[in-house]
Amino acid sequence: MVGRYYRLEKLGPREQAAWMRAIHPGFLWRVSGGYVVCRGMIQPTPLSHRYQVRVEYQYGRNPTVWVETPRLRRRQTAQRIPHTYSDNEPCLFYPGAGEWRSDKKIALTIIPWLATWLFYYELWLTTDEWKGGGIHPPASSSCK
């Protein structure tokens, strides 16, 4: 109806796991209380590495993502990996900017964003230029 506003419902761990199962059947997931952990493989392009990744989501909070293997590497010891909170924790969105909300499906946002981030990470390793855009988070910030 025109002029009506609808409140979007937050998706809980079980709903997020169901969407993951439907869209990314190769991922394993575990739900416990208000928490879900999903693990799976992502290969950004046919020529890319295959990455074992982990996504953790607590009801009503931002998802947290880690690249478990192969470990992400810096180009130089003193150089941070762009768009990361720590060496193996990519920053996929700017917290508080509305890109991620709890009514969104991790399977349709976080997983594709992570595949895109991994593509730009591999490009950065080769060129030393971050082509993925965005705002780099400060080293002390958190996605949570």
Protein backbone atom coordinates (compact mmCIF):
# COMPACT_ATOMS: atom_id res chain seq x y z
CA MET A 1 0.00 0.00 0.00
CA VAL A 2 1.16 3.50 -0.76
CA GLY A 3 2.03 5.58 2.28
CA ARG A 4 2.41 2.62 4.63
CA TYR A 5 5.70 1.80 6.29
CA TYR A 6 6.63 -1.74 7.09
CA ARG A 7 9.08 -2.72 9.76
CA LEU A 8 11.66 -5.19 8.48
CA GLU A 9 12.14 -8.17 10.74
CA LYS A 10 15.61 -9.16 11.86
CA LEU A 11 16.64 -12.60 10.68
CA GLY A 12 17.68 -14.92 13.48
CA PRO A 13 20.42 -17.54 13.35
CA ARG A 14 18.08 -20.33 12.23
CA GLU A 15 16.73 -18.23 9.34
CA GLN A 16 20.27 -17.21 8.34
CA ALA A 17 21.38 -20.87 8.43
CA ALA A 18 18.38 -21.90 6.30
CA TRP A 19 19.25 -19.29 3.67
CA MET A 20 22.89 -20.44 3.71
CA ARG A 21 21.81 -24.06 3.27
CA ALA A 22 19.58 -23.10 0.31
CA ILE A 23 21.97 -20.76 -1.50
CA HIS A 24 25.41 -22.10 -0.49
CA PRO A 25 24.86 -25.83 0.16
CA GLY A 26 28.61 -26.47 0.38
CA PHE A 27 28.83 -24.44 3.59
CA LEU A 28 28.51 -26.18 6.93
CA TRP A 29 26.65 -24.37 9.68
CA ARG A 30 25.97 -24.74 13.38
CA VAL A 31 23.29 -22.90 15.34
CA SER A 32 23.50 -22.53 19.10
CA GLY A 33 21.09 -20.25 20.92
CA GLY A 34 21.21 -16.84 19.30
CA TYR A 35 24.37 -17.61 17.37
CA VAL A 36 25.27 -19.22 14.02
CA VAL A 37 28.68 -20.22 12.64
CA CYS A 38 29.04 -21.01 8.92
CA ARG A 39 32.16 -22.44 7.29
CA GLY A 40 32.83 -23.05 3.63
CA MET A 41 35.05 -22.57 0.63
CA ILE A 42 35.11 -19.52 -1.62
CA GLN A 43 37.02 -19.23 -4.89
CA PRO A 44 36.60 -15.71 -6.29
CA THR A 45 37.63 -16.67 -9.87
CA PRO A 46 38.62 -19.94 -11.58
CA LEU A 47 42.28 -18.82 -11.35
CA SER A 48 42.04 -17.84 -7.66
CA HIS A 49 43.00 -19.72 -4.55
CA ARG A 50 40.24 -21.58 -2.73
CA TYR A 51 39.71 -20.00 0.69
CA GLN A 52 38.26 -21.67 3.77
CA VAL A 53 36.17 -18.96 5.44
CA ARG A 54 34.15 -18.64 8.64
CA VAL A 55 31.19 -16.35 9.24
CA GLU A 56 29.80 -15.84 12.74
CA TYR A 57 26.52 -14.09 13.39
CA GLN A 58 24.84 -13.27 16.65
CA TYR A 59 21.22 -12.20 16.49
CA GLY A 60 20.94 -8.44 16.01
CA ARG A 61 24.71 -7.88 15.59
CA ASN A 62 27.00 -7.47 12.60
CA PRO A 63 28.41 -10.68 11.12
CA THR A 64 32.11 -11.26 11.63
CA VAL A 65 34.18 -12.92 8.90
CA TRP A 66 37.55 -14.68 8.95
CA VAL A 67 39.67 -16.21 6.22
CA GLU A 68 40.99 -19.37 7.87
CA THR A 69 43.12 -20.90 5.10
CA PRO A 70 45.21 -20.04 3.32
CA ARG A 71 46.10 -17.28 5.73
CA LEU A 72 46.06 -13.83 4.18
CA ARG A 73 49.49 -12.36 3.85
CA ARG A 74 50.94 -8.89 3.88
CA ARG A 75 53.03 -7.65 0.97
CA GLN A 76 55.54 -6.24 3.47
CA THR A 77 55.85 -6.92 7.20
CA ALA A 78 54.99 -3.35 8.23
CA GLN A 79 52.18 -2.95 5.67
CA ARG A 80 48.61 -3.72 6.72
CA ILE A 81 46.34 -5.69 4.45
CA PRO A 82 43.80 -3.12 3.16
CA HIS A 83 40.25 -3.27 4.47
CA THR A 84 40.96 -5.59 7.39
CA TYR A 85 40.43 -5.43 11.13
CA SER A 86 43.21 -7.98 11.62
CA ASP A 87 45.24 -9.94 9.09
CA ASN A 88 42.57 -12.60 8.60
CA GLU A 89 39.45 -10.54 9.36
CA PRO A 90 38.32 -8.65 6.24
CA CYS A 91 36.22 -5.50 6.48
CA LEU A 92 33.35 -6.02 4.04
CA PHE A 93 31.17 -3.01 4.87
CA TYR A 94 31.34 0.21 6.83
CA PRO A 95 29.54 -0.38 10.17
CA GLY A 96 26.72 2.07 10.82
CA ALA A 97 26.40 3.14 7.15
CA GLY A 98 23.36 0.92 6.53
CA GLU A 99 25.07 -1.46 4.11
CA TRP A 100 24.42 -4.33 6.49
CA ARG A 101 21.26 -4.73 8.58
CA SER A 102 19.97 -7.73 10.50
CA ASP A 103 17.05 -8.10 8.08
CA LYS A 104 19.50 -8.91 5.26
CA LYS A 105 20.51 -12.43 4.34
CA ILE A 106 24.15 -13.32 4.96
CA ALA A 107 23.96 -15.72 2.00
CA LEU A 108 23.05 -12.87 -0.38
CA THR A 109 25.26 -10.13 1.08
CA ILE A 110 28.20 -11.20 3.23
CA ILE A 111 29.22 -14.24 1.14
CA PRO A 112 29.22 -12.38 -2.22
CA TRP A 113 30.90 -9.38 -0.58
CA LEU A 114 33.60 -11.69 0.80
CA ALA A 115 34.18 -13.26 -2.64
CA THR A 116 34.54 -9.76 -4.09
CA TRP A 117 36.87 -8.71 -1.26
CA LEU A 118 39.06 -11.79 -1.90
CA PHE A 119 39.23 -10.89 -5.60
CA TYR A 120 40.49 -7.39 -4.73
CA TYR A 121 42.87 -8.82 -2.13
CA GLU A 122 44.49 -11.04 -4.79
CA LEU A 123 44.70 -8.05 -7.15
CA TRP A 124 46.32 -5.98 -4.37
CA LEU A 125 48.91 -8.73 -3.77
CA THR A 126 49.89 -8.46 -7.42
CA THR A 127 49.72 -4.70 -7.97
CA ASP A 128 50.11 -3.13 -4.49
CA GLU A 129 47.00 -1.05 -5.26
CA TRP A 130 43.64 -1.56 -3.55
CA LYS A 131 41.10 -1.32 -6.40
CA GLY A 132 38.07 -2.24 -4.28
CA GLY A 133 37.26 1.28 -3.07
CA GLY A 134 35.62 1.87 0.29
CA ILE A 135 36.83 3.35 3.55
CA HIS A 136 39.72 1.62 5.31
CA PRO A 137 38.89 0.89 8.97
CA PRO A 138 41.35 2.05 11.64
CA ALA A 139 43.47 -0.76 13.09
CA SER A 140 41.70 -0.51 16.46
CA SER A 141 38.12 -0.63 15.12
CA SER A 142 35.79 -3.58 15.07
CA CYS A 143 32.95 -4.69 12.82
CA LYS A 144 30.94 -5.88 15.81
